[in-house]
Amino acid sequence: MANQRISILVALDGADEGLKRAITSAERSLGELAASAKTAGDRAAVGIAQVKAGVSVISEQITTRDAGHEEQYARSGRT
């Protein structure tokens, strides 16, 4: 009976160590995932800022071009 208790305690201790390793591994993986998500979020924010800047430049070019055409049209005497 004493041998069975020792065997059970050893088995439980081994299972406990395995569980600790699994938890540590899961924590490490979660930390890596969080870092990857942050990096992806940062890159997405930079990409969105670049798209907004590009849209702003295109919008400005269209506005400037339209103003130039209106001025040219007005000078031509057409109504």
C-alpha atoms as a PDB file:
ATOM      1  CA  MET A   1       0.000   0.000   0.000  1.00  0.00           C
ATOM      2  CA  ALA A   2       2.857   2.414   0.821  1.00  0.00           C
ATOM      3  CA  ASN A   3       4.437   1.705  -2.557  1.00  0.00           C
ATOM      4  CA  GLN A   4       1.166   2.587  -4.285  1.00  0.00           C
ATOM      5  CA  ARG A   5       1.015   5.894  -2.410  1.00  0.00           C
ATOM      6  CA  ILE A   6       4.571   6.728  -3.402  1.00  0.00           C
ATOM      7  CA  SER A   7       3.806   5.775  -7.006  1.00  0.00           C
ATOM      8  CA  ILE A   8       0.714   7.952  -6.999  1.00  0.00           C
ATOM      9  CA  LEU A   9       2.632  10.883  -5.480  1.00  0.00           C
ATOM     10  CA  VAL A  10       5.437  10.499  -8.023  1.00  0.00           C
ATOM     11  CA  ALA A  11       2.880  10.302 -10.842  1.00  0.00           C
ATOM     12  CA  LEU A  12       1.071  13.385  -9.552  1.00  0.00           C
ATOM     13  CA  ASP A  13       4.353  15.264  -9.190  1.00  0.00           C
ATOM     14  CA  GLY A  14       5.289  14.329 -12.762  1.00  0.00           C
ATOM     15  CA  ALA A  15       1.873  15.399 -14.010  1.00  0.00           C
ATOM     16  CA  ASP A  16       2.225  18.642 -12.066  1.00  0.00           C
ATOM     17  CA  GLU A  17       5.586  19.346 -13.720  1.00  0.00           C
ATOM     18  CA  GLY A  18       4.098  18.565 -17.123  1.00  0.00           C
ATOM     19  CA  LEU A  19       1.217  20.917 -16.430  1.00  0.00           C
ATOM     20  CA  LYS A  20       3.632  23.653 -15.343  1.00  0.00           C
ATOM     21  CA  ARG A  21       5.624  23.213 -18.569  1.00  0.00           C
ATOM     22  CA  ALA A  22       2.427  23.329 -20.620  1.00  0.00           C
ATOM     23  CA  ILE A  23       1.275  26.511 -18.863  1.00  0.00           C
ATOM     24  CA  THR A  24       4.700  28.127 -19.301  1.00  0.00           C
ATOM     25  CA  SER A  25       4.699  27.202 -22.989  1.00  0.00           C
ATOM     26  CA  ALA A  26       1.170  28.567 -23.432  1.00  0.00           C
ATOM     27  CA  GLU A  27       2.139  31.829 -21.710  1.00  0.00           C
ATOM     28  CA  ARG A  28       5.180  32.168 -23.969  1.00  0.00           C
ATOM     29  CA  SER A  29       3.085  31.490 -27.071  1.00  0.00           C
ATOM     30  CA  LEU A  30       0.469  33.999 -25.963  1.00  0.00           C
ATOM     31  CA  GLY A  31       3.180  36.613 -25.405  1.00  0.00           C
ATOM     32  CA  GLU A  32       4.574  35.981 -28.884  1.00  0.00           C
ATOM     33  CA  LEU A  33       1.086  36.200 -30.361  1.00  0.00           C
ATOM     34  CA  ALA A  34       0.466  39.507 -28.574  1.00  0.00           C
ATOM     35  CA  ALA A  35       3.759  40.889 -29.905  1.00  0.00           C
ATOM     36  CA  SER A  36       2.872  39.763 -33.433  1.00  0.00           C
ATOM     37  CA  ALA A  37      -0.580  41.321 -33.156  1.00  0.00           C
ATOM     38  CA  LYS A  38       0.928  44.612 -31.963  1.00  0.00           C
ATOM     39  CA  THR A  39       3.408  44.619 -34.846  1.00  0.00           C
ATOM     40  CA  ALA A  40       0.617  43.874 -37.324  1.00  0.00           C
ATOM     41  CA  GLY A  41      -1.491  46.668 -35.825  1.00  0.00           C
ATOM     42  CA  ASP A  42       1.405  49.113 -36.057  1.00  0.00           C
ATOM     43  CA  ARG A  43       2.030  48.167 -39.686  1.00  0.00           C
ATOM     44  CA  ALA A  44      -1.665  48.515 -40.493  1.00  0.00           C
ATOM     45  CA  ALA A  45      -1.734  51.985 -38.925  1.00  0.00           C
ATOM     46  CA  VAL A  46       1.258  53.039 -41.041  1.00  0.00           C
ATOM     47  CA  GLY A  47      -0.414  51.626 -44.161  1.00  0.00           C
ATOM     48  CA  ILE A  48      -3.660  53.459 -43.454  1.00  0.00           C
ATOM     49  CA  ALA A  49      -1.760  56.719 -42.923  1.00  0.00           C
ATOM     50  CA  GLN A  50      -0.009  56.224 -46.275  1.00  0.00           C
ATOM     51  CA  VAL A  51      -3.307  55.542 -48.039  1.00  0.00           C
ATOM     52  CA  LYS A  52      -4.861  58.666 -46.476  1.00  0.00           C
ATOM     53  CA  ALA A  53      -1.871  60.742 -47.575  1.00  0.00           C
ATOM     54  CA  GLY A  54      -2.154  59.348 -51.109  1.00  0.00           C
ATOM     55  CA  VAL A  55      -5.882  60.060 -51.275  1.00  0.00           C
ATOM     56  CA  SER A  56      -5.236  63.599 -50.033  1.00  0.00           C
ATOM     57  CA  VAL A  57      -2.628  64.194 -52.753  1.00  0.00           C
ATOM     58  CA  ILE A  58      -4.920  62.818 -55.459  1.00  0.00           C
ATOM     59  CA  SER A  59      -7.825  64.906 -54.162  1.00  0.00           C
ATOM     60  CA  GLU A  60      -5.645  68.027 -54.195  1.00  0.00           C
ATOM     61  CA  GLN A  61      -4.510  67.298 -57.760  1.00  0.00           C
ATOM     62  CA  ILE A  62      -8.101  66.836 -58.915  1.00  0.00           C
ATOM     63  CA  THR A  63      -9.183  70.072 -57.205  1.00  0.00           C
ATOM     64  CA  THR A  64      -6.253  71.999 -58.707  1.00  0.00           C
ATOM     65  CA  ARG A  65      -6.879  70.533 -62.154  1.00  0.00           C
ATOM     66  CA  ASP A  66     -10.607  71.347 -61.970  1.00  0.00           C
ATOM     67  CA  ALA A  67      -9.851  74.921 -60.886  1.00  0.00           C
ATOM     68  CA  GLY A  68      -7.451  75.276 -63.814  1.00  0.00           C
ATOM     69  CA  HIS A  69     -10.054  74.003 -66.254  1.00  0.00           C
ATOM     70  CA  GLU A  70     -12.712  76.367 -64.865  1.00  0.00           C
ATOM     71  CA  GLU A  71     -10.336  79.313 -65.200  1.00  0.00           C
ATOM     72  CA  GLN A  72      -9.420  78.297 -68.738  1.00  0.00           C
ATOM     73  CA  TYR A  73     -13.107  77.844 -69.604  1.00  0.00           C
ATOM     74  CA  ALA A  74     -13.937  81.301 -68.177  1.00  0.00           C
ATOM     75  CA  ARG A  75     -11.160  82.927 -70.220  1.00  0.00           C
ATOM     76  CA  SER A  76     -12.422  81.295 -73.394  1.00  0.00           C
ATOM     77  CA  GLY A  77     -15.610  83.361 -73.154  1.00  0.00           C
ATOM     78  CA  ARG A  78     -17.911  80.355 -73.231  1.00  0.00           C
ATOM     79  CA  THR A  79     -20.907  80.348 -70.956  1.00  0.00           C
END
